PDB file of N, CA and C in Angstrom:
ATOM      1  N   MET A   1     124.311 111.149 140.830  1.00  0.00           N
ATOM      2  CA  MET A   1     125.348 110.693 140.666  1.00  0.00           C
ATOM      3  C   MET A   1     125.728 110.951 138.819  1.00  0.00           C
ATOM      4  N   ALA A   2     126.378 111.486 138.662  1.00  0.00           N
ATOM      5  CA  ALA A   2     126.576 111.955 137.019  1.00  0.00           C
ATOM      6  C   ALA A   2     127.410 110.985 135.784  1.00  0.00           C
ATOM      7  N   ALA A   3     126.542 110.966 134.628  1.00  0.00           N
ATOM      8  CA  ALA A   3     126.993 109.761 134.149  1.00  0.00           C
ATOM      9  C   ALA A   3     128.697 110.020 133.630  1.00  0.00           C
ATOM     10  N   ALA A   4     129.287 108.924 132.418  1.00  0.00           N
ATOM     11  CA  ALA A   4     130.567 109.356 132.493  1.00  0.00           C
ATOM     12  C   ALA A   4     130.560 109.640 131.164  1.00  0.00           C
ATOM     13  N   ALA A   5     131.467 110.554 130.871  1.00  0.00           N
ATOM     14  CA  ALA A   5     131.764 111.133 129.539  1.00  0.00           C
ATOM     15  C   ALA A   5     132.133 110.046 128.827  1.00  0.00           C
ATOM     16  N   ILE A   6     131.606 110.287 127.429  1.00  0.00           N
ATOM     17  CA  ILE A   6     131.847 109.479 126.329  1.00  0.00           C
ATOM     18  C   ILE A   6     132.988 109.862 125.649  1.00  0.00           C
ATOM     19  N   THR A   7     134.237 109.593 125.517  1.00  0.00           N
ATOM     20  CA  THR A   7     135.435 109.985 124.957  1.00  0.00           C
ATOM     21  C   THR A   7     136.026 109.607 123.574  1.00  0.00           C
ATOM     22  N   SER A   8     135.144 108.425 123.571  1.00  0.00           N
ATOM     23  CA  SER A   8     135.585 108.504 121.993  1.00  0.00           C
ATOM     24  C   SER A   8     134.282 107.633 120.825  1.00  0.00           C
ATOM     25  N   ASN A   9     134.265 107.758 119.740  1.00  0.00           N
ATOM     26  CA  ASN A   9     132.978 107.400 118.969  1.00  0.00           C
ATOM     27  C   ASN A   9     133.129 105.606 119.508  1.00  0.00           C
ATOM     28  N   THR A  10     134.508 105.104 119.333  1.00  0.00           N
ATOM     29  CA  THR A  10     134.229 103.718 119.555  1.00  0.00           C
ATOM     30  C   THR A  10     133.017 103.679 121.463  1.00  0.00           C
ATOM     31  N   GLU A  11     133.348 104.449 122.002  1.00  0.00           N
ATOM     32  CA  GLU A  11     132.329 104.359 123.347  1.00  0.00           C
ATOM     33  C   GLU A  11     130.893 104.716 123.096  1.00  0.00           C
ATOM     34  N   ALA A  12     130.912 105.660 121.996  1.00  0.00           N
ATOM     35  CA  ALA A  12     129.406 105.473 121.850  1.00  0.00           C
ATOM     36  C   ALA A  12     128.681 104.318 121.326  1.00  0.00           C
ATOM     37  N   GLY A  13     129.857 104.209 119.847  1.00  0.00           N
ATOM     38  CA  GLY A  13     128.979 102.590 119.651  1.00  0.00           C
ATOM     39  C   GLY A  13     128.612 101.960 120.497  1.00  0.00           C
ATOM     40  N   VAL A  14     129.397 101.597 121.260  1.00  0.00           N
ATOM     41  CA  VAL A  14     129.088 100.448 122.093  1.00  0.00           C
ATOM     42  C   VAL A  14     128.095 100.672 123.117  1.00  0.00           C
ATOM     43  N   LEU A  15     128.057 102.279 123.770  1.00  0.00           N
ATOM     44  CA  LEU A  15     127.216 102.377 124.544  1.00  0.00           C
ATOM     45  C   LEU A  15     125.565 102.232 123.721  1.00  0.00           C
ATOM     46  N   VAL A  16     125.559 102.799 122.440  1.00  0.00           N
ATOM     47  CA  VAL A  16     124.323 102.656 121.786  1.00  0.00           C
ATOM     48  C   VAL A  16     123.901 100.944 121.723  1.00  0.00           C
ATOM     49  N   ALA A  17     125.173 100.346 121.216  1.00  0.00           N
ATOM     50  CA  ALA A  17     124.378  98.814 120.857  1.00  0.00           C
ATOM     51  C   ALA A  17     123.980  98.229 121.933  1.00  0.00           C
ATOM     52  N   ASN A  18     124.561  98.622 123.132  1.00  0.00           N
ATOM     53  CA  ASN A  18     123.965  98.091 124.609  1.00  0.00           C
ATOM     54  C   ASN A  18     122.211  98.792 124.955  1.00  0.00           C
ATOM     55  N   LEU A  19     122.277 100.025 124.389  1.00  0.00           N
ATOM     56  CA  LEU A  19     121.028 100.391 124.319  1.00  0.00           C
ATOM     57  C   LEU A  19     119.872  99.670 123.645  1.00  0.00           C
ATOM     58  N   ARG A  20     120.289  99.333 122.327  1.00  0.00           N
ATOM     59  CA  ARG A  20     119.345  98.603 121.757  1.00  0.00           C
ATOM     60  C   ARG A  20     119.265  97.136 122.393  1.00  0.00           C
ATOM     61  N   ALA A  21     120.233  96.875 122.351  1.00  0.00           N
ATOM     62  CA  ALA A  21     119.958  95.207 122.782  1.00  0.00           C
ATOM     63  C   ALA A  21     119.102  95.307 124.221  1.00  0.00           C
ATOM     64  N   THR A  22     119.146  96.190 125.380  1.00  0.00           N
ATOM     65  CA  THR A  22     118.610  96.306 126.499  1.00  0.00           C
ATOM     66  C   THR A  22     117.282  96.665 126.145  1.00  0.00           C
ATOM     67  N   THR A  23     116.577  97.528 125.188  1.00  0.00           N
ATOM     68  CA  THR A  23     115.090  98.315 124.882  1.00  0.00           C
ATOM     69  C   THR A  23     114.676  97.201 123.961  1.00  0.00           C
ATOM     70  N   ARG A  24     113.998  97.140 124.191  1.00  0.00           N
ATOM     71  CA  ARG A  24     112.484  96.784 123.066  1.00  0.00           C
ATOM     72  C   ARG A  24     111.407  97.090 122.282  1.00  0.00           C
ATOM     73  N   PRO A  25     110.969  97.621 121.217  1.00  0.00           N
ATOM     74  CA  PRO A  25     109.963  98.361 120.485  1.00  0.00           C
ATOM     75  C   PRO A  25     108.804  97.787 120.780  1.00  0.00           C
ATOM     76  N   LEU A  26     108.171  98.636 120.836  1.00  0.00           N
ATOM     77  CA  LEU A  26     106.833  98.289 120.578  1.00  0.00           C
ATOM     78  C   LEU A  26     106.195  97.413 119.778  1.00  0.00           C
ATOM     79  N   PRO A  27     105.426  95.835 120.293  1.00  0.00           N
ATOM     80  CA  PRO A  27     104.936  95.243 119.214  1.00  0.00           C
ATOM     81  C   PRO A  27     104.166  96.173 118.048  1.00  0.00           C
ATOM     82  N   LYS A  28     104.307  95.589 116.987  1.00  0.00           N
ATOM     83  CA  LYS A  28     103.172  95.648 115.733  1.00  0.00           C
ATOM     84  C   LYS A  28     102.184  95.812 116.253  1.00  0.00           C
ATOM     85  N   GLU A  29     101.161  95.076 117.070  1.00  0.00           N
ATOM     86  CA  GLU A  29      99.977  95.571 117.231  1.00  0.00           C
ATOM     87  C   GLU A  29      99.653  96.467 117.988  1.00  0.00           C
ATOM     88  N   THR A  30     100.601  96.887 118.760  1.00  0.00           N
ATOM     89  CA  THR A  30     100.213  98.149 119.522  1.00  0.00           C
ATOM     90  C   THR A  30     100.300  99.128 118.672  1.00  0.00           C
ATOM     91  N   LEU A  31     101.854  99.194 117.960  1.00  0.00           N
ATOM     92  CA  LEU A  31     101.793 100.370 116.982  1.00  0.00           C
ATOM     93  C   LEU A  31     100.408 100.575 116.516  1.00  0.00           C
ATOM     94  N   THR A  32     100.317  99.503 115.548  1.00  0.00           N
ATOM     95  CA  THR A  32      98.787 100.229 114.968  1.00  0.00           C
ATOM     96  C   THR A  32      97.705 100.179 115.105  1.00  0.00           C
ATOM     97  N   THR A  33      97.622  99.909 116.506  1.00  0.00           N
ATOM     98  CA  THR A  33      96.324 100.171 117.378  1.00  0.00           C
ATOM     99  C   THR A  33      96.041 101.806 117.498  1.00  0.00           C
ATOM    100  N   LEU A  34      97.746 102.343 117.509  1.00  0.00           N
ATOM    101  CA  LEU A  34      97.642 103.711 117.726  1.00  0.00           C
ATOM    102  C   LEU A  34      97.748 104.831 116.164  1.00  0.00           C
ATOM    103  N   LYS A  35      97.398 104.076 115.066  1.00  0.00           N
ATOM    104  CA  LYS A  35      97.242 104.767 114.133  1.00  0.00           C
ATOM    105  C   LYS A  35      95.617 105.378 113.547  1.00  0.00           C
ATOM    106  N   SER A  36      95.692 107.027 113.428  1.00  0.00           N
ATOM    107  CA  SER A  36      94.423 107.717 113.107  1.00  0.00           C
ATOM    108  C   SER A  36      93.515 106.608 112.267  1.00  0.00           C
ATOM    109  N   TRP A  37      94.270 105.900 111.090  1.00  0.00           N
ATOM    110  CA  TRP A  37      93.314 104.796 110.129  1.00  0.00           C
ATOM    111  C   TRP A  37      92.197 104.114 110.781  1.00  0.00           C
ATOM    112  N   ARG A  38      92.926 103.527 112.474  1.00  0.00           N
ATOM    113  CA  ARG A  38      92.391 102.579 113.099  1.00  0.00           C
ATOM    114  C   ARG A  38      90.766 102.807 113.588  1.00  0.00           C
ATOM    115  N   ARG A  39      90.624 104.284 113.607  1.00  0.00           N
ATOM    116  CA  ARG A  39      88.914 104.713 114.225  1.00  0.00           C
ATOM    117  C   ARG A  39      88.313 104.593 112.960  1.00  0.00           C
ATOM    118  N   VAL A  40      88.827 104.592 111.866  1.00  0.00           N
ATOM    119  CA  VAL A  40      87.876 104.305 110.660  1.00  0.00           C
ATOM    120  C   VAL A  40      86.776 103.046 110.880  1.00  0.00           C
ATOM    121  N   SER A  41      85.595 103.167 111.081  1.00  0.00           N
ATOM    122  CA  SER A  41      84.926 102.230 110.788  1.00  0.00           C
ATOM    123  C   SER A  41      84.657 101.467 109.306  1.00  0.00           C
ATOM    124  N   PRO A  42      85.131 100.430 109.373  1.00  0.00           N
ATOM    125  CA  PRO A  42      85.220  99.472 108.028  1.00  0.00           C
ATOM    126  C   PRO A  42      83.817  99.695 107.296  1.00  0.00           C
ATOM    127  N   SER A  43      82.804  99.691 108.047  1.00  0.00           N
ATOM    128  CA  SER A  43      81.452  99.799 106.804  1.00  0.00           C
ATOM    129  C   SER A  43      81.166 100.945 106.452  1.00  0.00           C
ATOM    130  N   SER A  44      81.609 102.036 107.077  1.00  0.00           N
ATOM    131  CA  SER A  44      82.324 103.168 106.408  1.00  0.00           C
ATOM    132  C   SER A  44      82.919 103.442 104.872  1.00  0.00           C
ATOM    133  N   ILE A  45      83.682 102.665 104.438  1.00  0.00           N
ATOM    134  CA  ILE A  45      84.621 102.332 103.091  1.00  0.00           C
ATOM    135  C   ILE A  45      83.636 101.192 102.671  1.00  0.00           C
ATOM    136  N   PRO A  46      83.217 101.753 101.421  1.00  0.00           N
ATOM    137  CA  PRO A  46      82.540 100.878 100.494  1.00  0.00           C
ATOM    138  C   PRO A  46      83.112 100.031  99.707  1.00  0.00           C
ATOM    139  N   ASP A  47      82.244  98.701  99.463  1.00  0.00           N
ATOM    140  CA  ASP A  47      82.822  97.607  99.028  1.00  0.00           C
ATOM    141  C   ASP A  47      82.774  97.874  97.122  1.00  0.00           C
ATOM    142  N   LYS A  48      83.953  98.937  96.685  1.00  0.00           N
ATOM    143  CA  LYS A  48      83.653  99.309  95.679  1.00  0.00           C
ATOM    144  C   LYS A  48      85.092  99.109  94.547  1.00  0.00           C
ATOM    145  N   PRO A  49      85.064  99.540  93.283  1.00  0.00           N
ATOM    146  CA  PRO A  49      86.409  99.708  92.808  1.00  0.00           C
ATOM    147  C   PRO A  49      87.819 100.006  93.606  1.00  0.00           C
ATOM    148  N   ARG A  50      88.777 100.389  93.033  1.00  0.00           N
ATOM    149  CA  ARG A  50      89.906 100.716  94.170  1.00  0.00           C
ATOM    150  C   ARG A  50      89.727 102.182  93.750  1.00  0.00           C
ATOM    151  N   ARG A  51      89.061 102.763  92.654  1.00  0.00           N
ATOM    152  CA  ARG A  51      88.957 104.561  92.792  1.00  0.00           C
ATOM    153  C   ARG A  51      88.060 104.875  93.406  1.00  0.00           C
ATOM    154  N   GLY A  52      86.925 104.029  93.554  1.00  0.00           N
ATOM    155  CA  GLY A  52      85.966 104.387  94.842  1.00  0.00           C
ATOM    156  C   GLY A  52      86.287 104.644  96.265  1.00  0.00           C
ATOM    157  N   VAL A  53      87.052 103.031  96.573  1.00  0.00           N
ATOM    158  CA  VAL A  53      87.775 102.838  98.119  1.00  0.00           C
ATOM    159  C   VAL A  53      88.551 104.085  98.521  1.00  0.00           C
ATOM    160  N   VAL A  54      89.080 104.369  97.829  1.00  0.00           N
ATOM    161  CA  VAL A  54      90.515 105.265  97.857  1.00  0.00           C
ATOM    162  C   VAL A  54      90.108 106.742  98.095  1.00  0.00           C
ATOM    163  N   ALA A  55      89.138 107.269  97.493  1.00  0.00           N
ATOM    164  CA  ALA A  55      88.336 108.633  97.387  1.00  0.00           C
ATOM    165  C   ALA A  55      87.516 108.429  98.763  1.00  0.00           C
ATOM    166  N   ALA A  56      86.400 107.419  99.196  1.00  0.00           N
ATOM    167  CA  ALA A  56      85.960 107.510 100.342  1.00  0.00           C
ATOM    168  C   ALA A  56      86.988 107.195 101.604  1.00  0.00           C
ATOM    169  N   PHE A  57      87.795 106.969 101.040  1.00  0.00           N
ATOM    170  CA  PHE A  57      88.871 106.604 102.607  1.00  0.00           C
ATOM    171  C   PHE A  57      89.375 107.668 102.826  1.00  0.00           C
ATOM    172  N   ARG A  58      90.063 108.440 101.681  1.00  0.00           N
ATOM    173  CA  ARG A  58      90.813 109.875 101.838  1.00  0.00           C
ATOM    174  C   ARG A  58      89.471 110.868 102.313  1.00  0.00           C
ATOM    175  N   LEU A  59      88.220 110.436 102.038  1.00  0.00           N
ATOM    176  CA  LEU A  59      87.397 111.773 102.503  1.00  0.00           C
ATOM    177  C   LEU A  59      87.022 111.488 103.724  1.00  0.00           C
ATOM    178  N   THR A  60      87.173 110.132 104.226  1.00  0.00           N
ATOM    179  CA  THR A  60      86.502 109.694 105.525  1.00  0.00           C
ATOM    180  C   THR A  60      87.541 110.031 106.557  1.00  0.00           C
ATOM    181  N   THR A  61      88.742 110.078 106.178  1.00  0.00           N
ATOM    182  CA  THR A  61      90.230 110.156 107.160  1.00  0.00           C
ATOM    183  C   THR A  61      90.384 111.884 106.976  1.00  0.00           C
ATOM    184  N   GLY A  62      89.997 112.344 106.273  1.00  0.00           N
ATOM    185  CA  GLY A  62      90.071 114.356 105.939  1.00  0.00           C
ATOM    186  C   GLY A  62      91.493 113.996 105.663  1.00  0.00           C
ATOM    187  N   HIS A  63      92.152 112.894 104.673  1.00  0.00           N
ATOM    188  CA  HIS A  63      93.648 112.937 104.282  1.00  0.00           C
ATOM    189  C   HIS A  63      93.145 113.574 102.596  1.00  0.00           C
ATOM    190  N   ASP A  64      92.759 114.389 102.104  1.00  0.00           N
ATOM    191  CA  ASP A  64      92.510 114.645 100.951  1.00  0.00           C
ATOM    192  C   ASP A  64      93.083 115.580 100.095  1.00  0.00           C
ATOM    193  N   CYS A  65      93.039 115.815  99.137  1.00  0.00           N
ATOM    194  CA  CYS A  65      93.317 116.994  98.319  1.00  0.00           C
ATOM    195  C   CYS A  65      92.720 117.939  98.193  1.00  0.00           C
ATOM    196  N   LEU A  66      91.557 118.187  99.282  1.00  0.00           N
ATOM    197  CA  LEU A  66      90.662 119.283  99.265  1.00  0.00           C
ATOM    198  C   LEU A  66      91.265 120.526 100.168  1.00  0.00           C
ATOM    199  N   ALA A  67      90.905 121.835  99.773  1.00  0.00           N
ATOM    200  CA  ALA A  67      91.693 123.064 100.059  1.00  0.00           C
ATOM    201  C   ALA A  67      91.664 123.306 101.642  1.00  0.00           C
ATOM    202  N   ALA A  68      90.621 122.356 102.661  1.00  0.00           N
ATOM    203  CA  ALA A  68      90.694 122.246 103.884  1.00  0.00           C
ATOM    204  C   ALA A  68      91.974 121.736 104.282  1.00  0.00           C
ATOM    205  N   HIS A  69      92.379 120.870 104.254  1.00  0.00           N
ATOM    206  CA  HIS A  69      92.881 119.737 104.729  1.00  0.00           C
ATOM    207  C   HIS A  69      94.549 120.375 103.866  1.00  0.00           C
ATOM    208  N   LEU A  70      94.682 120.450 102.906  1.00  0.00           N
ATOM    209  CA  LEU A  70      95.631 121.508 102.017  1.00  0.00           C
ATOM    210  C   LEU A  70      96.370 122.721 102.811  1.00  0.00           C
ATOM    211  N   HIS A  71      95.127 123.011 103.563  1.00  0.00           N
ATOM    212  CA  HIS A  71      95.428 124.689 104.758  1.00  0.00           C
ATOM    213  C   HIS A  71      95.621 124.124 105.859  1.00  0.00           C
ATOM    214  N   ARG A  72      95.404 122.878 106.320  1.00  0.00           N
ATOM    215  CA  ARG A  72      95.801 122.634 107.801  1.00  0.00           C
ATOM    216  C   ARG A  72      97.456 122.009 107.481  1.00  0.00           C
ATOM    217  N   LEU A  73      97.564 121.969 106.701  1.00  0.00           N
ATOM    218  CA  LEU A  73      99.150 121.428 106.357  1.00  0.00           C
ATOM    219  C   LEU A  73     100.069 122.492 105.912  1.00  0.00           C
ATOM    220  N   ARG A  74      99.314 123.509 105.517  1.00  0.00           N
ATOM    221  CA  ARG A  74      99.937 125.169 105.451  1.00  0.00           C
ATOM    222  C   ARG A  74     100.826 124.739 103.976  1.00  0.00           C
ATOM    223  N   ILE A  75      99.946 123.879 103.051  1.00  0.00           N
ATOM    224  CA  ILE A  75     100.677 123.553 101.733  1.00  0.00           C
ATOM    225  C   ILE A  75      99.632 124.894 100.820  1.00  0.00           C
ATOM    226  N   SER A  76      98.404 125.020 101.423  1.00  0.00           N
ATOM    227  CA  SER A  76      97.544 126.108 100.923  1.00  0.00           C
ATOM    228  C   SER A  76      97.356 127.384 102.097  1.00  0.00           C
ATOM    229  N   THR A  77      96.828 128.085 101.086  1.00  0.00           N
ATOM    230  CA  THR A  77      97.094 129.606 101.474  1.00  0.00           C
ATOM    231  C   THR A  77      95.630 130.072 102.692  1.00  0.00           C
ATOM    232  N   GLU A  78      94.649 129.308 101.900  1.00  0.00           N
ATOM    233  CA  GLU A  78      93.416 129.308 102.825  1.00  0.00           C
ATOM    234  C   GLU A  78      92.579 128.143 102.393  1.00  0.00           C
ATOM    235  N   PRO A  79      91.461 127.796 103.611  1.00  0.00           N
ATOM    236  CA  PRO A  79      90.898 126.302 102.853  1.00  0.00           C
ATOM    237  C   PRO A  79      89.638 126.950 102.438  1.00  0.00           C
ATOM    238  N   PHE A  80      89.443 128.025 101.801  1.00  0.00           N
ATOM    239  CA  PHE A  80      88.102 128.469 100.873  1.00  0.00           C
ATOM    240  C   PHE A  80      88.407 127.362  99.200  1.00  0.00           C
ATOM    241  N   CYS A  81      87.318 127.246  98.944  1.00  0.00           N
ATOM    242  CA  CYS A  81      87.077 126.579  97.616  1.00  0.00           C
ATOM    243  C   CYS A  81      87.223 127.655  96.549  1.00  0.00           C
ATOM    244  N   PRO A  82      89.059 127.223  96.174  1.00  0.00           N
ATOM    245  CA  PRO A  82      88.595 127.892  94.787  1.00  0.00           C
ATOM    246  C   PRO A  82      88.249 127.348  93.306  1.00  0.00           C
ATOM    247  N   LEU A  83      87.746 127.046  93.110  1.00  0.00           N
ATOM    248  CA  LEU A  83      87.279 126.367  91.847  1.00  0.00           C
ATOM    249  C   LEU A  83      85.833 127.269  91.927  1.00  0.00           C
ATOM    250  N   CYS A  84      84.877 127.529  92.996  1.00  0.00           N
ATOM    251  CA  CYS A  84      83.712 128.300  92.846  1.00  0.00           C
ATOM    252  C   CYS A  84      83.440 129.588  93.358  1.00  0.00           C
ATOM    253  N   ASP A  85      84.626 129.613  93.982  1.00  0.00           N
ATOM    254  CA  ASP A  85      84.541 131.152  94.359  1.00  0.00           C
ATOM    255  C   ASP A  85      83.326 131.425  95.292  1.00  0.00           C
ATOM    256  N   SER A  86      82.683 130.368  96.474  1.00  0.00           N
ATOM    257  CA  SER A  86      81.751 130.668  96.815  1.00  0.00           C
ATOM    258  C   SER A  86      82.124 131.463  98.581  1.00  0.00           C
ATOM    259  N   GLY A  87      83.540 131.032  99.194  1.00  0.00           N
ATOM    260  CA  GLY A  87      83.391 131.584 100.060  1.00  0.00           C
ATOM    261  C   GLY A  87      83.233 130.417 101.361  1.00  0.00           C
ATOM    262  N   GLU A  88      82.898 129.112 100.895  1.00  0.00           N
ATOM    263  CA  GLU A  88      82.912 128.169 101.083  1.00  0.00           C
ATOM    264  C   GLU A  88      83.941 127.680 101.870  1.00  0.00           C
ATOM    265  N   VAL A  89      84.654 126.761 103.043  1.00  0.00           N
ATOM    266  CA  VAL A  89      85.471 125.846 103.334  1.00  0.00           C
ATOM    267  C   VAL A  89      85.470 125.048 102.598  1.00  0.00           C
ATOM    268  N   MET A  90      86.561 124.400 101.743  1.00  0.00           N
ATOM    269  CA  MET A  90      86.259 123.272 100.522  1.00  0.00           C
ATOM    270  C   MET A  90      87.154 121.633 101.335  1.00  0.00           C
ATOM    271  N   GLU A  91      85.881 121.128 102.123  1.00  0.00           N
ATOM    272  CA  GLU A  91      85.907 119.846 102.640  1.00  0.00           C
ATOM    273  C   GLU A  91      84.916 119.007 102.217  1.00  0.00           C
ATOM    274  N   ARG A  92      84.894 118.044 102.502  1.00  0.00           N
ATOM    275  CA  ARG A  92      83.755 116.749 101.947  1.00  0.00           C
ATOM    276  C   ARG A  92      82.104 117.224 101.574  1.00  0.00           C
ATOM    277  N   ASP A  93      81.816 117.873 102.921  1.00  0.00           N
ATOM    278  CA  ASP A  93      80.415 118.390 102.404  1.00  0.00           C
ATOM    279  C   ASP A  93      80.406 119.274 101.253  1.00  0.00           C
ATOM    280  N   HIS A  94      81.251 120.399 101.108  1.00  0.00           N
ATOM    281  CA  HIS A  94      80.962 121.463 100.175  1.00  0.00           C
ATOM    282  C   HIS A  94      81.153 120.205  98.979  1.00  0.00           C
ATOM    283  N   LEU A  95      81.952 119.612  98.372  1.00  0.00           N
ATOM    284  CA  LEU A  95      81.920 118.898  97.565  1.00  0.00           C
ATOM    285  C   LEU A  95      80.488 118.811  96.606  1.00  0.00           C
ATOM    286  N   LEU A  96      79.404 118.132  97.730  1.00  0.00           N
ATOM    287  CA  LEU A  96      78.336 118.610  96.665  1.00  0.00           C
ATOM    288  C   LEU A  96      77.376 119.468  96.491  1.00  0.00           C
ATOM    289  N   ARG A  97      77.776 120.516  96.633  1.00  0.00           N
ATOM    290  CA  ARG A  97      77.319 121.588  96.449  1.00  0.00           C
ATOM    291  C   ARG A  97      78.096 122.733  95.592  1.00  0.00           C
ATOM    292  N   CYS A  98      79.225 122.243  95.566  1.00  0.00           N
ATOM    293  CA  CYS A  98      80.120 123.022  94.344  1.00  0.00           C
ATOM    294  C   CYS A  98      79.641 123.124  93.116  1.00  0.00           C
ATOM    295  N   GLY A  99      79.263 124.342  92.856  1.00  0.00           N
ATOM    296  CA  GLY A  99      79.267 124.749  91.187  1.00  0.00           C
ATOM    297  C   GLY A  99      79.398 124.469  90.382  1.00  0.00           C
ATOM    298  N   ALA A 100      81.342 124.223  90.591  1.00  0.00           N
ATOM    299  CA  ALA A 100      82.437 123.904  89.833  1.00  0.00           C
ATOM    300  C   ALA A 100      82.312 122.579  89.432  1.00  0.00           C
ATOM    301  N   LEU A 101      81.808 122.013  90.102  1.00  0.00           N
ATOM    302  CA  LEU A 101      81.862 120.250  89.776  1.00  0.00           C
ATOM    303  C   LEU A 101      80.745 119.706  88.924  1.00  0.00           C
ATOM    304  N   GLN A 102      80.464 118.776  88.010  1.00  0.00           N
ATOM    305  CA  GLN A 102      79.555 118.112  87.760  1.00  0.00           C
ATOM    306  C   GLN A 102      79.389 116.666  87.628  1.00  0.00           C
ATOM    307  N   GLY A 103      79.819 116.068  88.746  1.00  0.00           N
ATOM    308  CA  GLY A 103      80.087 114.672  88.927  1.00  0.00           C
ATOM    309  C   GLY A 103      78.644 114.336  89.590  1.00  0.00           C
ATOM    310  N   LEU A 104      77.631 113.188  89.218  1.00  0.00           N
ATOM    311  CA  LEU A 104      77.121 113.205  90.107  1.00  0.00           C
ATOM    312  C   LEU A 104      77.193 112.126  91.488  1.00  0.00           C
ATOM    313  N   THR A 105      78.788 111.834  91.675  1.00  0.00           N
ATOM    314  CA  THR A 105      78.638 111.426  92.930  1.00  0.00           C
ATOM    315  C   THR A 105      79.410 111.714  93.507  1.00  0.00           C
ATOM    316  N   GLU A 106      79.574 111.503  94.975  1.00  0.00           N
ATOM    317  CA  GLU A 106      80.894 112.266  95.693  1.00  0.00           C
ATOM    318  C   GLU A 106      82.245 111.706  95.264  1.00  0.00           C
ATOM    319  N   VAL A 107      82.084 110.378  94.629  1.00  0.00           N
ATOM    320  CA  VAL A 107      83.645 109.928  94.104  1.00  0.00           C
ATOM    321  C   VAL A 107      84.063 110.649  93.010  1.00  0.00           C
ATOM    322  N   SER A 108      82.965 110.705  92.317  1.00  0.00           N
ATOM    323  CA  SER A 108      83.359 111.040  91.158  1.00  0.00           C
ATOM    324  C   SER A 108      83.280 112.541  91.033  1.00  0.00           C
ATOM    325  N   ARG A 109      83.254 113.703  91.432  1.00  0.00           N
ATOM    326  CA  ARG A 109      83.244 114.929  92.544  1.00  0.00           C
ATOM    327  C   ARG A 109      84.479 114.986  93.011  1.00  0.00           C
ATOM    328  N   TYR A 110      85.060 114.189  93.847  1.00  0.00           N
ATOM    329  CA  TYR A 110      86.097 114.053  94.418  1.00  0.00           C
ATOM    330  C   TYR A 110      87.814 114.038  93.220  1.00  0.00           C
ATOM    331  N   TRP A 111      87.353 113.248  92.517  1.00  0.00           N
ATOM    332  CA  TRP A 111      88.481 112.727  91.437  1.00  0.00           C
ATOM    333  C   TRP A 111      88.399 114.077  90.650  1.00  0.00           C
ATOM    334  N   GLU A 112      87.344 114.724  90.105  1.00  0.00           N
ATOM    335  CA  GLU A 112      86.788 115.523  89.481  1.00  0.00           C
ATOM    336  C   GLU A 112      87.892 117.140  89.904  1.00  0.00           C
ATOM    337  N   ALA A 113      87.760 117.061  91.315  1.00  0.00           N
ATOM    338  CA  ALA A 113      88.169 118.556  92.208  1.00  0.00           C
ATOM    339  C   ALA A 113      89.652 118.183  92.009  1.00  0.00           C
ATOM    340  N   ARG A 114      90.332 116.793  92.635  1.00  0.00           N
ATOM    341  CA  ARG A 114      91.392 116.697  92.124  1.00  0.00           C
ATOM    342  C   ARG A 114      92.307 117.121  91.090  1.00  0.00           C
ATOM    343  N   ALA A 115      91.349 117.155  90.046  1.00  0.00           N
ATOM    344  CA  ALA A 115      92.224 117.044  88.454  1.00  0.00           C
ATOM    345  C   ALA A 115      92.044 118.642  88.571  1.00  0.00           C
ATOM    346  N   LEU A 116      90.668 118.987  88.916  1.00  0.00           N
ATOM    347  CA  LEU A 116      90.743 120.735  88.712  1.00  0.00           C
ATOM    348  C   LEU A 116      91.875 121.736  89.209  1.00  0.00           C
ATOM    349  N   LEU A 117      92.235 120.779  90.422  1.00  0.00           N
ATOM    350  CA  LEU A 117      93.310 121.361  91.583  1.00  0.00           C
ATOM    351  C   LEU A 117      94.684 121.239  90.928  1.00  0.00           C
ATOM    352  N   GLY A 118      94.835 120.573  89.904  1.00  0.00           N
ATOM    353  CA  GLY A 118      96.079 120.072  89.510  1.00  0.00           C
ATOM    354  C   GLY A 118      97.038 119.293  90.534  1.00  0.00           C
ATOM    355  N   GLN A 119      96.460 118.381  91.015  1.00  0.00           N
ATOM    356  CA  GLN A 119      96.935 117.473  91.893  1.00  0.00           C
ATOM    357  C   GLN A 119      97.030 116.016  91.466  1.00  0.00           C
TER     358      GLN A 119
END
């Protein structure tokens, strides 16, 4: 059985209104359980000032300013560290080995790398 053709904007509006009235959105609880950040263990995020927590969360989820992530998003042409030219992929593990960064902690090195990359 073929559906009747819509002949006017009014009919289309009525059709959309009826569709909205009969379909229910997923509950908020269901939508949030599907998010990737829900898989992050709360114990992996330190109880520190906001600056430290933001850096830890970004590094834990992989949604950071480092070249590997920017390359996945097609913002950067390559995933390698542009700061030290070591040829290593610039991701969380590389921060502590990068010779261009002076910070003592992973968090301080993250913010230093972000500043040097101009972001």
